[in-house]
Protein backbone atom coordinates (compact mmCIF):
# COMPACT_ATOMS: atom_id res chain seq x y z
CA MET A 1 29.33 -22.44 12.51
CA TYR A 2 26.92 -22.63 9.84
CA ASN A 3 26.60 -22.96 6.26
CA GLY A 4 24.01 -23.43 3.89
CA GLY A 5 20.49 -22.02 1.77
CA GLY A 6 23.38 -19.41 0.54
CA ASN A 7 24.97 -18.12 3.92
CA LEU A 8 28.36 -18.60 5.53
CA PHE A 9 28.86 -18.39 9.18
CA ALA A 10 32.66 -18.92 10.17
CA VAL A 11 34.80 -18.22 13.29
CA VAL A 12 38.57 -17.61 12.79
CA PRO A 13 41.68 -16.83 14.29
CA GLU A 14 41.97 -13.16 15.32
CA ASN A 15 45.06 -12.96 13.07
CA VAL A 16 44.20 -14.17 10.13
CA ASP A 17 45.04 -12.60 6.71
CA LYS A 18 42.69 -9.97 5.74
CA ASP A 19 41.86 -10.76 2.94
CA ILE A 20 40.86 -14.05 3.55
CA VAL A 21 37.70 -12.78 2.43
CA LYS A 22 38.65 -11.22 -1.69
CA LYS A 23 39.82 -15.51 -1.50
CA ILE A 24 37.08 -16.54 -0.18
CA GLU A 25 34.80 -14.23 -2.54
CA ASN A 26 37.19 -14.96 -5.17
CA GLU A 27 36.99 -18.65 -5.01
CA ALA A 28 32.89 -18.42 -4.88
CA LYS A 29 32.70 -16.35 -8.07
CA LYS A 30 34.21 -19.34 -9.75
CA CYS A 31 31.43 -21.34 -8.76
CA LEU A 32 28.46 -18.57 -8.56
CA VAL A 33 29.33 -16.68 -11.34
CA THR A 34 26.31 -14.55 -11.49
CA ALA A 35 25.42 -14.40 -8.00
CA ASN A 36 25.77 -11.64 -5.93
CA ILE A 37 28.72 -12.89 -3.36
CA ALA A 38 29.39 -11.19 -0.58
CA PHE A 39 31.68 -12.20 2.52
CA ALA A 40 33.40 -9.56 5.21
CA LEU A 41 35.78 -10.00 7.85
CA SER A 42 34.59 -8.60 11.90
CA GLU A 43 36.96 -6.72 14.13
CA SER A 44 38.28 -9.09 16.41
CA ILE A 45 34.97 -9.89 19.08
CA SER A 46 36.58 -11.82 22.59
CA LEU A 47 35.44 -15.09 23.37
CA SER A 48 33.43 -14.55 26.11
CA ASP A 49 31.67 -11.90 24.68
CA PHE A 50 30.88 -13.81 21.50
CA LEU A 51 30.22 -17.51 23.57
CA GLY A 52 27.84 -15.45 26.21
CA ASN A 53 24.55 -14.95 26.12
CA ASN A 54 25.02 -11.57 24.32
CA TYR A 55 25.84 -13.03 20.79
CA ASN A 56 23.15 -10.92 19.10
CA ASP A 57 24.22 -7.95 20.12
CA VAL A 58 28.27 -8.15 19.14
CA ILE A 59 27.76 -9.26 15.42
CA ARG A 60 24.24 -7.28 15.13
CA GLU A 61 26.56 -4.08 13.90
CA PHE A 62 28.50 -6.38 11.57
CA GLU A 63 25.58 -8.10 9.53
CA ALA A 64 24.10 -4.24 8.90
CA GLU A 65 27.65 -3.41 7.44
CA LEU A 66 27.55 -7.14 5.48
CA ASN A 67 24.21 -6.30 4.38
CA ALA A 68 25.69 -2.51 3.41
CA TYR A 69 28.48 -4.33 1.05
CA LYS A 70 26.34 -6.49 -0.51
CA LEU A 71 24.13 -3.97 -1.29
CA SER A 72 27.19 -1.98 -3.32
CA LYS A 73 28.20 -5.07 -5.19
CA LEU A 74 24.79 -5.18 -7.14
CA VAL A 75 26.51 -4.99 -10.82
CA PHE A 76 24.80 -6.64 -13.80
CA GLU A 77 27.18 -8.84 -15.96
CA ALA A 78 26.11 -9.52 -19.46
CA ALA A 79 28.40 -12.00 -20.04
CA PRO A 80 30.43 -13.50 -17.71
CA GLU A 81 33.02 -16.09 -18.52
CA SER A 82 33.80 -19.77 -16.83
CA GLN A 83 36.50 -19.91 -15.26
CA LEU A 84 36.30 -23.69 -15.35
CA LEU A 85 35.86 -25.05 -18.32
CA ARG A 86 37.59 -28.66 -18.27
CA ASP A 87 37.59 -28.25 -14.98
CA ARG A 88 35.83 -29.42 -11.47
CA LEU A 89 32.92 -27.23 -10.27
CA PHE A 90 33.14 -29.25 -7.02
CA GLU A 91 34.35 -32.13 -5.47
CA TYR A 92 33.61 -33.34 -1.68
CA SER A 93 36.28 -36.03 -1.38
CA ASN A 94 34.32 -37.31 2.02
CA ASP A 95 30.50 -37.56 0.74
CA ALA A 96 29.81 -40.36 -1.65
CA ASP A 97 27.26 -38.14 -3.23
CA TYR A 98 29.83 -36.32 -5.28
CA LYS A 99 32.80 -37.31 -6.86
CA ASP A 100 34.50 -35.01 -9.39
CA VAL A 101 31.57 -32.51 -11.09
CA LYS A 102 33.51 -31.25 -14.26
CA VAL A 103 32.20 -28.62 -16.12
CA ASN A 104 32.36 -30.04 -19.92
CA ALA A 105 31.06 -27.82 -22.48
CA GLU A 106 31.11 -26.18 -25.86
CA LYS A 107 32.34 -22.85 -26.59
CA LEU A 108 30.20 -21.16 -29.05
CA LYS A 109 32.24 -19.24 -31.88
CA GLU A 110 29.60 -16.62 -32.02
CA LYS A 111 28.25 -14.81 -29.79
CA ASN A 112 24.96 -12.89 -30.52
CA ASP A 113 22.15 -14.99 -28.49
CA TYR A 114 21.08 -14.87 -25.28
CA CYS A 115 21.10 -17.84 -23.22
CA GLU A 116 18.09 -20.05 -23.63
CA LYS A 117 17.64 -20.89 -19.62
CA CYS A 118 17.65 -17.31 -18.67
CA LYS A 119 17.16 -15.24 -21.36
CA LYS A 120 19.22 -12.36 -19.92
CA ARG A 121 22.57 -13.33 -20.66
CA ILE A 122 24.61 -13.61 -23.83
CA ALA A 123 25.15 -17.62 -24.38
CA LEU A 124 28.80 -18.47 -24.44
CA TYR A 125 28.55 -22.05 -24.74
CA SER A 126 26.76 -25.23 -25.54
CA LYS A 127 25.07 -27.93 -23.31
CA ASP A 128 23.48 -30.93 -25.07
CA LYS A 129 22.38 -28.51 -28.11
CA ILE A 130 21.26 -26.13 -25.45
CA LYS A 131 23.15 -22.30 -25.85
CA LEU A 132 23.55 -21.07 -22.37
CA CYS A 133 25.62 -18.34 -20.42
CA ALA A 134 28.61 -19.46 -17.66
CA GLY A 135 25.80 -18.92 -14.89
CA CYS A 136 23.15 -21.33 -16.16
CA LEU A 137 25.90 -24.07 -17.28
CA HIS A 138 27.20 -24.01 -14.25
CA LYS A 139 23.78 -24.19 -12.57
CA THR A 140 23.08 -26.84 -14.90
CA ILE A 141 25.75 -29.56 -14.21
CA ALA A 142 24.89 -28.60 -10.20
CA GLY A 143 21.57 -29.40 -10.77
CA ILE A 144 22.04 -32.48 -12.79
CA GLU A 145 24.22 -33.72 -10.09
CA GLN A 146 21.68 -32.71 -6.92
CA LYS A 147 18.94 -33.97 -7.94
CA SER A 148 20.00 -37.26 -8.26
CA VAL A 149 21.05 -36.86 -4.57
CA TYR A 150 17.85 -36.04 -3.75
CA HIS A 151 16.54 -39.29 -5.61
CA LYS A 152 18.55 -41.50 -3.84
CA LYS A 153 18.07 -39.79 -0.16
CA TYR A 154 14.01 -39.98 -1.26
CA MET A 155 14.35 -43.67 -2.00
CA ASP A 156 17.16 -44.59 1.03
CA ARG A 157 14.23 -42.68 3.80
CA THR A 158 10.93 -43.64 1.58
CA GLY A 159 12.16 -47.40 0.76
CA GLU A 160 10.47 -46.78 -2.75
CA LYS A 161 11.86 -46.81 -5.91
CA LEU A 162 12.23 -44.23 -8.44
CA SER A 163 13.30 -43.30 -11.46
CA LEU A 164 14.94 -39.72 -12.40
CA PRO A 165 13.05 -38.07 -14.68
CA LYS A 166 14.61 -36.75 -18.08
CA ASP A 167 12.73 -33.63 -18.94
CA PHE A 168 8.96 -32.43 -17.45
CA SER A 169 6.81 -34.90 -19.48
CA ASP A 170 8.02 -37.11 -17.66
CA ILE A 171 6.24 -35.97 -14.20
CA ASP A 172 3.06 -35.11 -15.78
CA ARG A 173 2.10 -34.95 -19.50
CA ASP A 174 -0.48 -32.54 -19.09
CA HIS A 175 0.31 -30.28 -15.96
CA ILE A 176 3.25 -29.80 -13.73
CA ALA A 177 3.56 -27.63 -11.15
CA VAL A 178 6.08 -25.46 -9.63
CA ILE A 179 6.23 -25.31 -5.62
CA TYR A 180 8.10 -22.84 -3.55
CA ALA A 181 7.81 -22.45 -0.42
CA ASP A 182 9.64 -20.51 2.58
CA GLY A 183 9.17 -20.66 6.35
CA ASN A 184 8.55 -17.48 7.97
CA ASN A 185 9.69 -15.67 11.43
CA MET A 186 12.77 -17.73 11.10
CA GLY A 187 14.79 -14.49 11.41
CA GLY A 188 12.51 -14.12 14.60
CA ILE A 189 13.76 -17.19 16.25
CA VAL A 190 17.16 -17.01 15.51
CA GLN A 191 16.82 -13.50 16.86
CA GLY A 192 15.94 -15.31 20.13
CA PHE A 193 18.79 -17.41 20.92
CA ARG A 194 21.19 -15.86 23.67
CA LYS A 195 24.18 -18.54 22.84
CA ILE A 196 26.06 -19.17 19.43
CA SER A 197 25.60 -22.96 20.79
CA ASP A 198 21.52 -22.67 19.99
CA MET A 199 21.89 -21.30 16.52
CA ILE A 200 24.10 -24.18 15.82
CA SER A 201 22.35 -26.15 17.07
CA PHE A 202 19.24 -24.76 15.40
CA SER A 203 20.62 -24.78 11.74
CA ASP A 204 21.71 -28.02 12.00
CA PHE A 205 18.00 -29.29 13.07
CA VAL A 206 17.13 -27.43 9.76
CA LYS A 207 19.31 -28.46 7.36
CA LYS A 208 18.52 -32.25 8.36
CA GLN A 209 14.86 -32.03 8.80
CA MET A 210 13.61 -29.59 5.87
CA PRO A 211 14.85 -32.54 3.17
CA GLN A 212 12.86 -35.33 5.21
CA LEU A 213 9.75 -33.57 5.76
CA VAL A 214 9.96 -32.50 1.95
CA TYR A 215 10.65 -36.60 1.50
CA ASP A 216 7.52 -37.78 4.12
CA SER A 217 4.56 -35.16 2.01
CA LEU A 218 5.72 -36.34 -1.50
CA LYS A 219 5.38 -39.94 -0.51
CA LYS A 220 2.27 -39.10 1.47
CA VAL A 221 0.24 -38.28 -1.84
CA ARG A 222 2.22 -41.25 -3.64
CA ALA A 223 4.17 -38.44 -6.27
CA LYS A 224 5.85 -41.16 -8.36
CA ASN A 225 7.74 -38.47 -10.65
CA PHE A 226 8.93 -35.10 -9.08
CA GLU A 227 11.81 -33.55 -9.11
CA ILE A 228 13.55 -31.59 -6.28
CA VAL A 229 15.59 -28.45 -7.37
CA ALA A 230 16.65 -27.11 -4.23
CA VAL A 231 15.79 -28.05 -0.02
CA GLY A 232 18.39 -24.68 1.31
CA GLY A 233 17.68 -23.93 4.62
CA ASP A 234 13.96 -23.18 4.98
CA ASP A 235 12.96 -22.81 1.26
CA ILE A 236 11.81 -25.76 -0.76
CA PHE A 237 11.56 -26.04 -4.86
CA ILE A 238 9.96 -28.99 -5.87
CA ILE A 239 7.98 -30.14 -9.51
CA VAL A 240 5.35 -31.85 -9.18
CA PRO A 241 3.22 -33.00 -10.74
CA ALA A 242 -0.01 -30.73 -11.31
CA LYS A 243 -2.41 -33.22 -9.58
CA VAL A 244 -0.96 -33.49 -6.55
CA SER A 245 0.57 -29.93 -5.62
CA ILE A 246 -2.54 -28.34 -3.58
CA LYS A 247 -3.18 -31.33 -1.23
CA LEU A 248 1.25 -32.10 -1.08
CA ALA A 249 1.15 -27.97 -0.08
CA VAL A 250 -1.11 -28.88 2.66
CA ASP A 251 1.00 -31.77 3.54
CA LEU A 252 4.13 -29.63 3.39
CA ILE A 253 2.57 -26.67 5.96
CA ASN A 254 1.69 -29.57 8.39
CA GLU A 255 4.42 -31.51 8.69
CA TYR A 256 6.59 -28.19 8.76
CA LYS A 257 4.64 -27.23 11.51
CA ARG A 258 4.08 -30.63 13.26
CA VAL A 259 8.48 -31.00 13.09
CA PHE A 260 8.78 -27.26 14.42
CA GLY A 261 6.56 -27.69 17.00
CA SER A 262 7.81 -30.28 18.70
CA ASN A 263 11.11 -28.75 18.90
CA TYR A 264 10.84 -25.54 19.08
CA PRO A 265 7.11 -25.36 21.21
CA ASP A 266 7.78 -22.22 21.88
CA THR A 267 8.38 -20.76 18.73
CA ASN A 268 6.05 -19.74 15.98
CA SER A 269 7.50 -20.51 12.44
CA THR A 270 5.22 -21.47 9.75
CA LEU A 271 5.37 -22.57 6.25
CA SER A 272 3.85 -20.50 3.49
CA VAL A 273 3.76 -21.96 -0.16
CA GLY A 274 3.28 -20.72 -3.59
CA ILE A 275 2.29 -22.59 -6.65
CA CYS A 276 2.00 -22.49 -10.09
CA ILE A 277 0.36 -24.94 -12.41
CA ALA A 278 0.79 -24.80 -15.97
CA LYS A 279 1.15 -27.18 -19.34
CA THR A 280 4.15 -29.27 -19.29
CA ASN A 281 5.78 -27.34 -22.23
CA THR A 282 5.45 -23.62 -20.44
CA PRO A 283 9.22 -22.16 -19.20
CA VAL A 284 9.76 -22.76 -15.70
CA LYS A 285 11.10 -19.53 -15.11
CA VAL A 286 8.05 -18.24 -15.91
CA MET A 287 6.05 -21.04 -13.68
CA LEU A 288 8.60 -19.70 -10.82
CA GLU A 289 8.52 -16.13 -11.11
CA ALA A 290 3.99 -16.78 -11.26
CA ALA A 291 4.90 -19.51 -7.72
CA GLU A 292 7.23 -16.14 -6.29
CA GLU A 293 4.35 -14.33 -6.44
CA GLU A 294 2.19 -16.12 -5.46
CA LEU A 295 4.36 -17.27 -2.02
CA ALA A 296 4.46 -13.57 -1.40
CA ALA A 297 0.87 -13.37 -1.23
CA ALA A 298 0.52 -16.31 0.96
CA LYS A 299 3.41 -14.80 3.50
CA GLU A 300 1.40 -11.31 3.63
CA LEU A 301 -1.77 -13.29 4.99
CA VAL A 302 0.31 -15.05 7.49
CA LYS A 303 1.67 -11.54 8.83
CA LYS A 304 -2.37 -10.60 8.74
CA LYS A 305 -3.31 -13.91 10.39
CA ALA A 306 -0.95 -14.16 12.73
CA ASP A 307 -2.11 -17.59 14.78
CA SER A 308 -2.45 -19.54 11.19
CA LYS A 309 -0.42 -22.65 11.19
CA GLY A 310 0.70 -21.22 7.42
CA SER A 311 -0.51 -19.93 4.35
CA LEU A 312 -0.55 -21.05 0.68
CA SER A 313 -1.52 -19.33 -2.68
CA PHE A 314 -1.94 -20.74 -6.20
CA ARG A 315 -2.16 -19.56 -10.02
CA VAL A 316 -2.94 -22.05 -13.02
CA PHE A 317 -2.15 -21.12 -16.87
CA ASN A 318 -4.33 -22.65 -19.11
CA THR A 319 -1.63 -21.43 -21.49
CA TYR A 320 1.77 -20.06 -21.44
CA GLU A 321 0.98 -17.00 -23.80
CA GLY A 322 0.86 -14.11 -21.98
CA SER A 323 1.24 -16.29 -19.47
CA ILE A 324 -2.88 -16.12 -19.17
CA SER A 325 -4.67 -17.16 -15.94
CA GLN A 326 -8.12 -18.10 -16.21
CA ARG A 327 -8.13 -17.21 -11.89
CA GLY A 328 -10.39 -14.39 -12.13
CA ASN A 329 -10.12 -11.54 -8.99
CA ASN A 330 -12.75 -12.94 -6.58
CA THR A 331 -11.36 -16.07 -5.69
CA LEU A 332 -10.68 -16.95 -1.71
CA LEU A 333 -6.97 -17.19 -2.62
CA PRO A 334 -4.61 -16.53 -0.83
CA TYR A 335 -5.70 -19.75 2.13
CA THR A 336 -4.80 -19.91 5.52
CA VAL A 337 -4.37 -24.01 5.92
CA GLU A 338 -7.10 -23.82 7.75
CA ALA A 339 -9.48 -22.71 5.15
CA ALA A 340 -7.56 -24.52 2.07
CA GLU A 341 -8.60 -28.12 4.30
CA LYS A 342 -12.29 -27.21 4.60
CA ILE A 343 -12.09 -26.12 0.71
CA ILE A 344 -10.49 -29.60 -0.35
CA ASP A 345 -12.61 -31.44 1.65
CA PHE A 346 -15.53 -29.65 0.75
CA ALA A 347 -14.87 -29.85 -3.01
CA ALA A 348 -14.19 -33.80 -2.79
CA ASN A 349 -17.48 -33.83 -1.07
CA MET A 350 -18.81 -32.51 -4.04
CA LYS A 351 -17.25 -34.62 -6.45
CA ARG A 352 -18.83 -37.80 -4.60
CA ASP A 353 -22.31 -36.67 -4.08
CA LYS A 354 -23.15 -35.16 -7.40
CA THR A 355 -22.72 -35.81 -11.30
CA ASP A 356 -21.63 -33.26 -13.87
CA VAL A 357 -19.94 -30.95 -10.46
CA ASN A 358 -17.39 -29.12 -13.29
CA THR A 359 -20.27 -28.46 -15.51
CA MET A 360 -22.66 -27.09 -12.80
CA LEU A 361 -19.35 -24.70 -11.64
CA GLN A 362 -18.69 -23.88 -14.31
CA ASN A 363 -21.64 -22.27 -15.21
CA LEU A 364 -21.94 -20.77 -11.74
CA SER A 365 -18.62 -19.39 -12.11
CA GLU A 366 -19.49 -17.64 -15.50
CA ALA A 367 -23.13 -16.58 -13.90
CA PHE A 368 -21.70 -14.55 -11.79
CA LYS A 369 -18.70 -13.16 -13.71
CA ASN A 370 -21.74 -11.67 -16.00
CA CYS A 371 -24.00 -10.70 -13.32
CA GLU A 372 -23.73 -6.77 -12.86
CA SER A 373 -24.27 -6.91 -8.61
CA SER A 374 -24.08 -9.19 -5.85
CA GLU A 375 -27.97 -9.30 -5.45
CA GLU A 376 -28.38 -10.64 -9.26
CA ALA A 377 -25.83 -13.44 -8.60
CA ASN A 378 -27.45 -14.29 -5.02
CA LEU A 379 -30.92 -14.79 -7.01
CA PHE A 380 -29.45 -16.66 -9.26
CA PHE A 381 -27.41 -18.87 -7.24
CA GLU A 382 -31.28 -19.39 -5.77
CA TYR A 383 -32.97 -19.85 -8.80
CA PHE A 384 -30.20 -22.44 -9.80
CA ASN A 385 -30.63 -24.61 -6.39
CA ALA A 386 -33.89 -24.60 -6.94
CA LYS A 387 -34.20 -26.34 -10.30
CA ILE A 388 -32.65 -29.39 -9.02
CA SER A 389 -33.31 -32.07 -6.88
CA ASP A 390 -32.37 -31.42 -2.76
CA ASP A 391 -29.95 -34.42 -3.17
CA LYS A 392 -27.88 -31.93 -5.69
CA ARG A 393 -28.58 -28.95 -4.42
CA ILE A 394 -24.87 -26.65 -3.61
CA LYS A 395 -25.09 -25.80 0.45
CA LEU A 396 -22.12 -23.82 0.70
CA GLU A 397 -19.89 -24.24 3.37
CA LYS A 398 -20.10 -21.67 6.49
CA ASN A 399 -17.09 -21.68 8.14
CA ILE A 400 -14.28 -21.55 6.01
CA ASP A 401 -11.56 -20.08 8.58
CA SER A 402 -11.12 -15.87 8.25
CA PHE A 403 -14.15 -15.80 5.66
CA SER A 404 -17.77 -15.01 6.39
CA LEU A 405 -20.35 -16.47 4.37
CA ASP A 406 -22.76 -13.32 2.91
CA GLY A 407 -25.26 -15.38 0.64
CA ALA A 408 -23.22 -17.25 -1.85
CA PHE A 409 -20.26 -14.80 -1.45
CA TYR A 410 -17.74 -14.83 1.11
CA ASN A 411 -16.07 -11.54 2.77
CA SER A 412 -12.39 -11.87 4.35
CA GLU A 413 -11.79 -11.25 7.52
CA TYR A 414 -7.60 -10.26 6.95
CA THR A 415 -7.61 -9.80 3.26
CA GLU A 416 -10.57 -6.80 3.45
CA LYS A 417 -11.59 -8.38 0.19
CA ASN A 418 -15.79 -8.84 -0.37
CA ASN A 419 -18.00 -10.30 -2.75
CA LEU A 420 -15.76 -13.91 -3.65
CA TYR A 421 -17.05 -16.38 -4.59
CA LEU A 422 -16.08 -20.45 -4.43
CA TRP A 423 -16.67 -21.56 -7.94
CA ASP A 424 -13.22 -20.93 -9.41
CA ASP A 425 -11.17 -22.29 -6.44
CA LEU A 426 -13.06 -25.61 -6.32
CA ILE A 427 -12.40 -26.42 -10.53
CA ASP A 428 -8.93 -25.77 -9.59
CA ILE A 429 -8.89 -28.23 -6.91
CA LEU A 430 -11.40 -30.69 -8.72
CA GLU A 431 -8.47 -31.13 -10.99
CA PHE A 432 -5.09 -30.08 -9.40
CA GLY A 433 -6.45 -30.70 -5.80
CA GLY A 434 -5.75 -34.53 -5.52
CA GLY A 435 -3.14 -36.69 -4.60
CA GLU A 436 -3.93 -40.08 -3.01
CA TYR A 437 -4.02 -40.03 0.84
CA GLU A 438 -2.76 -43.30 2.20
CA ASN A 439 -4.60 -44.14 4.92
């Protein structure tokens, strides 16, 4: 019925071997190694109940049992071994995209070091001189194969020619961005279906449309070098040049809303995006963790502002050591997509109309951080503007979604945060909010 995003839903005859779930778990474990894998077999269900209008009621109790079983299996394995060394990791004989993908690696004689990828498990194998645990070995091999598939399908859809990046410096020599996105209210949509056929149709729709909206958005910002790590279910994980990342996030959100709104107009599913921007040599694991935290903040905003079309948040590391963010606590982040578009436009207008705009913003940011009160900061802003000619003065945007302007500060209607200022937001967006749009 459905297979994607780490989930499988199948219907089998009632006289099936009761050990089938264990057999499937064992086969899945060979490939996934470190994943928490749980399959369950329900009691017999009549076809009339299952295919009727209340299939959700029929399987709800069964899903609760599966979730409990999954929690009972949470066990950390420090040094799992690959059962597929020199064997096939996966093979799809009917899919030209995949052919005989094998687990080729060397076993390490000494097993004293941690895996260089996850830093959590013991490295038992070496591939391309990198020490890996079994789980990361399989993920590395699968990832290499999968990213070539995404690039091929991107070129087929857009007509553009691309070369696969060999490492992150091929994406950008200076800064890259990890983008992690997730749909909102997907569970609510599925819960609203009364027939199993509706869920199957929706699952097929998501499986087809999610990669396509990623391809279309990447083309729109003219990102020539990128890596699509995964697009599964309503999750998106991509690595792009930092300079296109923020506008790309806005495009992903708007494209998601357009696609889902036109096909499922009675639902309110939106996309939230978390971004981490850092130097190219920053470990991707550190960046992904930061992007996930920003995604969580963005999703929390959507819960508070249900009429939003989507949300995003980002973090910029100015150094990997200690994962130091150059942003303070007084930015307007996270944004609704409506607020993001306003701020991006405001930054673009500042860049076009003013010289030395970055120096101006840096001076204002430092001054506001050092002021002892909002009154002092507002006086400084008025003095700052009075010293320069009228055409160069900063006229703050009053109508930013869910924010009210008070002097030079913004107050948030939904996060209950006050005395926020825009300077650090603008500095980051001027540097990383780019991307060249096609007219």
